[in-house]
PDB file of N, CA and C in Angstrom:
ATOM      1  N   MET A   1     -63.884-112.847 167.054  1.00  0.00           N
ATOM      2  CA  MET A   1     -63.771-113.282 168.216  1.00  0.00           C
ATOM      3  C   MET A   1     -62.155-113.741 168.310  1.00  0.00           C
ATOM      4  N   ILE A   2     -61.732-113.194 169.320  1.00  0.00           N
ATOM      5  CA  ILE A   2     -60.224-113.319 169.781  1.00  0.00           C
ATOM      6  C   ILE A   2     -60.176-114.528 170.637  1.00  0.00           C
ATOM      7  N   ASN A   3     -59.322-115.508 170.229  1.00  0.00           N
ATOM      8  CA  ASN A   3     -59.014-116.630 171.094  1.00  0.00           C
ATOM      9  C   ASN A   3     -57.708-116.896 171.575  1.00  0.00           C
ATOM     10  N   TYR A   4     -57.472-117.404 172.624  1.00  0.00           N
ATOM     11  CA  TYR A   4     -55.967-117.876 173.164  1.00  0.00           C
ATOM     12  C   TYR A   4     -55.751-119.305 173.149  1.00  0.00           C
ATOM     13  N   VAL A   5     -56.384-120.086 172.368  1.00  0.00           N
ATOM     14  CA  VAL A   5     -56.172-121.437 172.428  1.00  0.00           C
ATOM     15  C   VAL A   5     -54.787-121.819 172.087  1.00  0.00           C
ATOM     16  N   LYS A   6     -54.320-121.338 171.042  1.00  0.00           N
ATOM     17  CA  LYS A   6     -52.830-121.683 170.662  1.00  0.00           C
ATOM     18  C   LYS A   6     -51.932-121.562 171.842  1.00  0.00           C
ATOM     19  N   GLU A   7     -51.884-120.316 172.337  1.00  0.00           N
ATOM     20  CA  GLU A   7     -51.139-119.845 173.591  1.00  0.00           C
ATOM     21  C   GLU A   7     -51.294-120.793 174.719  1.00  0.00           C
ATOM     22  N   GLU A   8     -52.494-121.149 175.019  1.00  0.00           N
ATOM     23  CA  GLU A   8     -52.743-121.938 176.135  1.00  0.00           C
ATOM     24  C   GLU A   8     -52.326-123.538 175.841  1.00  0.00           C
ATOM     25  N   ARG A   9     -52.526-123.847 174.809  1.00  0.00           N
ATOM     26  CA  ARG A   9     -51.964-125.251 174.303  1.00  0.00           C
ATOM     27  C   ARG A   9     -50.391-125.387 174.553  1.00  0.00           C
ATOM     28  N   ASN A  10     -49.785-124.220 173.998  1.00  0.00           N
ATOM     29  CA  ASN A  10     -48.200-124.267 173.927  1.00  0.00           C
ATOM     30  C   ASN A  10     -47.833-124.258 175.454  1.00  0.00           C
ATOM     31  N   LYS A  11     -48.556-123.623 176.281  1.00  0.00           N
ATOM     32  CA  LYS A  11     -48.249-123.372 177.621  1.00  0.00           C
ATOM     33  C   LYS A  11     -48.226-124.755 178.272  1.00  0.00           C
ATOM     34  N   LYS A  12     -49.228-125.496 177.913  1.00  0.00           N
ATOM     35  CA  LYS A  12     -49.554-126.947 178.466  1.00  0.00           C
ATOM     36  C   LYS A  12     -48.754-127.946 177.932  1.00  0.00           C
ATOM     37  N   GLY A  13     -48.087-127.547 176.706  1.00  0.00           N
ATOM     38  CA  GLY A  13     -47.097-128.557 176.145  1.00  0.00           C
ATOM     39  C   GLY A  13     -47.800-129.583 175.403  1.00  0.00           C
ATOM     40  N   ILE A  14     -48.997-129.461 174.627  1.00  0.00           N
ATOM     41  CA  ILE A  14     -49.629-130.318 173.946  1.00  0.00           C
ATOM     42  C   ILE A  14     -49.887-130.033 172.382  1.00  0.00           C
ATOM     43  N   THR A  15     -49.865-130.992 171.543  1.00  0.00           N
ATOM     44  CA  THR A  15     -50.008-130.723 170.096  1.00  0.00           C
ATOM     45  C   THR A  15     -51.384-130.376 169.676  1.00  0.00           C
ATOM     46  N   GLN A  16     -51.643-129.811 168.755  1.00  0.00           N
ATOM     47  CA  GLN A  16     -53.103-129.632 168.023  1.00  0.00           C
ATOM     48  C   GLN A  16     -53.635-131.172 168.276  1.00  0.00           C
ATOM     49  N   GLN A  17     -53.020-132.192 167.533  1.00  0.00           N
ATOM     50  CA  GLN A  17     -53.715-133.601 167.562  1.00  0.00           C
ATOM     51  C   GLN A  17     -53.972-133.942 169.010  1.00  0.00           C
ATOM     52  N   GLU A  18     -53.107-133.875 170.136  1.00  0.00           N
ATOM     53  CA  GLU A  18     -53.358-134.293 171.423  1.00  0.00           C
ATOM     54  C   GLU A  18     -54.621-133.479 171.978  1.00  0.00           C
ATOM     55  N   LEU A  19     -54.793-132.198 171.800  1.00  0.00           N
ATOM     56  CA  LEU A  19     -55.944-131.481 172.200  1.00  0.00           C
ATOM     57  C   LEU A  19     -57.161-131.877 171.334  1.00  0.00           C
ATOM     58  N   ALA A  20     -56.949-132.139 170.161  1.00  0.00           N
ATOM     59  CA  ALA A  20     -58.127-132.703 169.254  1.00  0.00           C
ATOM     60  C   ALA A  20     -58.726-134.028 169.894  1.00  0.00           C
ATOM     61  N   ASP A  21     -57.819-134.880 170.315  1.00  0.00           N
ATOM     62  CA  ASP A  21     -58.190-136.150 170.789  1.00  0.00           C
ATOM     63  C   ASP A  21     -58.816-136.146 172.253  1.00  0.00           C
ATOM     64  N   LEU A  22     -58.318-135.149 172.985  1.00  0.00           N
ATOM     65  CA  LEU A  22     -58.998-134.864 174.457  1.00  0.00           C
ATOM     66  C   LEU A  22     -60.291-134.523 174.307  1.00  0.00           C
ATOM     67  N   LEU A  23     -60.464-133.651 173.212  1.00  0.00           N
ATOM     68  CA  LEU A  23     -61.915-133.261 172.634  1.00  0.00           C
ATOM     69  C   LEU A  23     -62.829-133.953 171.912  1.00  0.00           C
ATOM     70  N   ASN A  24     -62.127-134.843 171.337  1.00  0.00           N
ATOM     71  CA  ASN A  24     -62.954-135.853 170.547  1.00  0.00           C
ATOM     72  C   ASN A  24     -63.436-135.038 169.135  1.00  0.00           C
ATOM     73  N   VAL A  25     -62.430-134.213 168.542  1.00  0.00           N
ATOM     74  CA  VAL A  25     -62.615-133.475 167.446  1.00  0.00           C
ATOM     75  C   VAL A  25     -61.495-133.757 166.439  1.00  0.00           C
ATOM     76  N   SER A  26     -61.332-133.099 165.364  1.00  0.00           N
ATOM     77  CA  SER A  26     -60.329-133.441 164.567  1.00  0.00           C
ATOM     78  C   SER A  26     -59.184-132.354 164.764  1.00  0.00           C
ATOM     79  N   ARG A  27     -58.122-132.607 164.326  1.00  0.00           N
ATOM     80  CA  ARG A  27     -56.658-131.702 164.500  1.00  0.00           C
ATOM     81  C   ARG A  27     -57.061-130.519 163.737  1.00  0.00           C
ATOM     82  N   GLN A  28     -57.963-130.709 162.588  1.00  0.00           N
ATOM     83  CA  GLN A  28     -58.383-129.360 161.629  1.00  0.00           C
ATOM     84  C   GLN A  28     -59.190-128.538 162.312  1.00  0.00           C
ATOM     85  N   THR A  29     -60.102-129.213 163.204  1.00  0.00           N
ATOM     86  CA  THR A  29     -60.944-128.334 164.091  1.00  0.00           C
ATOM     87  C   THR A  29     -59.980-127.425 164.990  1.00  0.00           C
ATOM     88  N   ILE A  30     -59.211-127.826 165.508  1.00  0.00           N
ATOM     89  CA  ILE A  30     -58.245-127.272 166.491  1.00  0.00           C
ATOM     90  C   ILE A  30     -57.544-126.198 165.558  1.00  0.00           C
ATOM     91  N   PHE A  31     -57.151-126.476 164.459  1.00  0.00           N
ATOM     92  CA  PHE A  31     -56.315-125.595 163.742  1.00  0.00           C
ATOM     93  C   PHE A  31     -57.376-124.335 163.357  1.00  0.00           C
ATOM     94  N   SER A  32     -58.531-124.702 162.782  1.00  0.00           N
ATOM     95  CA  SER A  32     -59.541-123.613 162.517  1.00  0.00           C
ATOM     96  C   SER A  32     -59.881-122.773 163.557  1.00  0.00           C
ATOM     97  N   ILE A  33     -60.089-123.374 164.875  1.00  0.00           N
ATOM     98  CA  ILE A  33     -60.357-122.314 165.985  1.00  0.00           C
ATOM     99  C   ILE A  33     -59.004-121.491 166.219  1.00  0.00           C
ATOM    100  N   GLU A  34     -57.847-122.053 166.270  1.00  0.00           N
ATOM    101  CA  GLU A  34     -56.613-121.314 166.620  1.00  0.00           C
ATOM    102  C   GLU A  34     -56.618-120.138 165.588  1.00  0.00           C
ATOM    103  N   THR A  35     -56.854-120.422 164.168  1.00  0.00           N
ATOM    104  CA  THR A  35     -56.772-119.420 163.243  1.00  0.00           C
ATOM    105  C   THR A  35     -57.884-118.433 163.219  1.00  0.00           C
ATOM    106  N   GLY A  36     -58.856-118.589 163.987  1.00  0.00           N
ATOM    107  CA  GLY A  36     -60.132-117.913 163.961  1.00  0.00           C
ATOM    108  C   GLY A  36     -61.025-117.962 162.805  1.00  0.00           C
ATOM    109  N   LYS A  37     -61.018-119.127 162.046  1.00  0.00           N
ATOM    110  CA  LYS A  37     -61.840-119.484 160.862  1.00  0.00           C
ATOM    111  C   LYS A  37     -63.029-120.131 161.509  1.00  0.00           C
ATOM    112  N   TYR A  38     -63.030-120.895 162.619  1.00  0.00           N
ATOM    113  CA  TYR A  38     -64.289-121.397 163.141  1.00  0.00           C
ATOM    114  C   TYR A  38     -64.367-120.984 164.484  1.00  0.00           C
ATOM    115  N   VAL A  39     -65.545-120.770 165.056  1.00  0.00           N
ATOM    116  CA  VAL A  39     -65.759-120.305 166.209  1.00  0.00           C
ATOM    117  C   VAL A  39     -66.567-121.593 166.852  1.00  0.00           C
ATOM    118  N   PRO A  40     -65.986-122.115 167.978  1.00  0.00           N
ATOM    119  CA  PRO A  40     -66.672-123.273 168.807  1.00  0.00           C
ATOM    120  C   PRO A  40     -68.015-123.113 169.298  1.00  0.00           C
ATOM    121  N   SER A  41     -68.671-124.185 169.353  1.00  0.00           N
ATOM    122  CA  SER A  41     -69.940-124.201 170.163  1.00  0.00           C
ATOM    123  C   SER A  41     -69.461-123.672 171.501  1.00  0.00           C
ATOM    124  N   THR A  42     -70.628-123.680 172.139  1.00  0.00           N
ATOM    125  CA  THR A  42     -70.504-123.172 173.453  1.00  0.00           C
ATOM    126  C   THR A  42     -70.032-124.488 174.497  1.00  0.00           C
ATOM    127  N   ILE A  43     -70.464-125.763 174.199  1.00  0.00           N
ATOM    128  CA  ILE A  43     -70.063-126.877 174.810  1.00  0.00           C
ATOM    129  C   ILE A  43     -68.580-127.042 174.539  1.00  0.00           C
ATOM    130  N   LEU A  44     -68.286-126.978 173.275  1.00  0.00           N
ATOM    131  CA  LEU A  44     -66.784-126.905 172.908  1.00  0.00           C
ATOM    132  C   LEU A  44     -65.733-126.251 173.637  1.00  0.00           C
ATOM    133  N   ALA A  45     -66.280-124.761 173.854  1.00  0.00           N
ATOM    134  CA  ALA A  45     -65.653-123.819 174.273  1.00  0.00           C
ATOM    135  C   ALA A  45     -65.396-124.116 175.736  1.00  0.00           C
ATOM    136  N   LEU A  46     -66.570-124.652 176.646  1.00  0.00           N
ATOM    137  CA  LEU A  46     -66.411-124.851 177.822  1.00  0.00           C
ATOM    138  C   LEU A  46     -65.511-125.994 177.962  1.00  0.00           C
ATOM    139  N   LYS A  47     -65.262-127.168 177.173  1.00  0.00           N
ATOM    140  CA  LYS A  47     -64.544-128.397 177.275  1.00  0.00           C
ATOM    141  C   LYS A  47     -63.076-127.735 177.044  1.00  0.00           C
ATOM    142  N   ILE A  48     -62.905-126.878 176.075  1.00  0.00           N
ATOM    143  CA  ILE A  48     -61.695-126.263 175.991  1.00  0.00           C
ATOM    144  C   ILE A  48     -61.063-125.493 177.348  1.00  0.00           C
ATOM    145  N   ALA A  49     -61.824-124.828 177.938  1.00  0.00           N
ATOM    146  CA  ALA A  49     -61.637-124.091 179.052  1.00  0.00           C
ATOM    147  C   ALA A  49     -61.207-125.138 180.188  1.00  0.00           C
ATOM    148  N   GLU A  50     -62.167-125.985 180.411  1.00  0.00           N
ATOM    149  CA  GLU A  50     -61.813-127.080 181.378  1.00  0.00           C
ATOM    150  C   GLU A  50     -60.629-127.747 181.255  1.00  0.00           C
ATOM    151  N   ILE A  51     -60.260-128.147 180.099  1.00  0.00           N
ATOM    152  CA  ILE A  51     -58.743-128.644 179.948  1.00  0.00           C
ATOM    153  C   ILE A  51     -57.722-127.843 180.167  1.00  0.00           C
ATOM    154  N   PHE A  52     -57.634-126.622 179.959  1.00  0.00           N
ATOM    155  CA  PHE A  52     -56.697-125.586 180.492  1.00  0.00           C
ATOM    156  C   PHE A  52     -56.977-124.980 181.650  1.00  0.00           C
ATOM    157  N   GLY A  53     -57.936-125.280 182.564  1.00  0.00           N
ATOM    158  CA  GLY A  53     -58.134-124.943 183.903  1.00  0.00           C
ATOM    159  C   GLY A  53     -58.478-123.399 183.878  1.00  0.00           C
ATOM    160  N   LYS A  54     -59.176-123.148 182.920  1.00  0.00           N
ATOM    161  CA  LYS A  54     -59.474-121.459 182.928  1.00  0.00           C
ATOM    162  C   LYS A  54     -60.995-121.224 182.617  1.00  0.00           C
ATOM    163  N   TYR A  55     -61.119-120.097 182.908  1.00  0.00           N
ATOM    164  CA  TYR A  55     -62.577-119.623 182.468  1.00  0.00           C
ATOM    165  C   TYR A  55     -62.648-119.254 180.986  1.00  0.00           C
ATOM    166  N   VAL A  56     -63.984-119.842 180.568  1.00  0.00           N
ATOM    167  CA  VAL A  56     -64.157-119.491 178.935  1.00  0.00           C
ATOM    168  C   VAL A  56     -63.683-118.096 178.628  1.00  0.00           C
ATOM    169  N   GLU A  57     -64.091-116.944 179.354  1.00  0.00           N
ATOM    170  CA  GLU A  57     -63.604-115.647 179.005  1.00  0.00           C
ATOM    171  C   GLU A  57     -62.114-115.329 179.248  1.00  0.00           C
ATOM    172  N   ASP A  58     -61.322-116.337 179.759  1.00  0.00           N
ATOM    173  CA  ASP A  58     -59.768-116.158 179.636  1.00  0.00           C
ATOM    174  C   ASP A  58     -59.203-116.652 178.249  1.00  0.00           C
ATOM    175  N   ILE A  59     -59.990-117.491 177.606  1.00  0.00           N
ATOM    176  CA  ILE A  59     -59.720-118.031 176.284  1.00  0.00           C
ATOM    177  C   ILE A  59     -60.378-117.441 175.096  1.00  0.00           C
ATOM    178  N   PHE A  60     -61.425-116.953 175.191  1.00  0.00           N
ATOM    179  CA  PHE A  60     -62.324-116.461 174.186  1.00  0.00           C
ATOM    180  C   PHE A  60     -62.853-115.097 174.501  1.00  0.00           C
ATOM    181  N   ASN A  61     -62.470-114.057 173.755  1.00  0.00           N
ATOM    182  CA  ASN A  61     -62.940-112.765 174.086  1.00  0.00           C
ATOM    183  C   ASN A  61     -63.740-112.173 172.589  1.00  0.00           C
ATOM    184  N   LEU A  62     -64.503-111.440 172.912  1.00  0.00           N
ATOM    185  CA  LEU A  62     -65.321-110.921 171.839  1.00  0.00           C
ATOM    186  C   LEU A  62     -64.673-109.542 171.428  1.00  0.00           C
ATOM    187  N   GLU A  63     -64.720-109.358 169.989  1.00  0.00           N
ATOM    188  CA  GLU A  63     -64.008-108.137 169.465  1.00  0.00           C
ATOM    189  C   GLU A  63     -65.118-107.129 169.144  1.00  0.00           C
ATOM    190  N   LYS A  64     -64.638-106.028 169.005  1.00  0.00           N
ATOM    191  CA  LYS A  64     -65.615-104.891 168.850  1.00  0.00           C
ATOM    192  C   LYS A  64     -66.571-105.413 167.310  1.00  0.00           C
ATOM    193  N   GLY A  65     -67.719-105.372 167.556  1.00  0.00           N
ATOM    194  CA  GLY A  65     -68.557-105.555 166.276  1.00  0.00           C
ATOM    195  C   GLY A  65     -68.995-107.081 166.162  1.00  0.00           C
ATOM    196  N   ASP A  66     -68.371-107.916 167.069  1.00  0.00           N
ATOM    197  CA  ASP A  66     -68.994-109.375 167.248  1.00  0.00           C
ATOM    198  C   ASP A  66     -70.515-109.258 167.551  1.00  0.00           C
TER     199      ASP A  66
END
């Protein structure tokens, strides 16, 4: 899965820790999502999209083979 969490976070001007605090997760979780080591749950993906004012599909995209 490809994601644009880091790009959207940078556009919004917030740190990994600030995003983590908004989502009630650890900063490590945000790092893991941004680096593709962790695929968030549907609920977490929806919350991330809501924070950025985007659709989930604007932030998370399937790769061929997913």
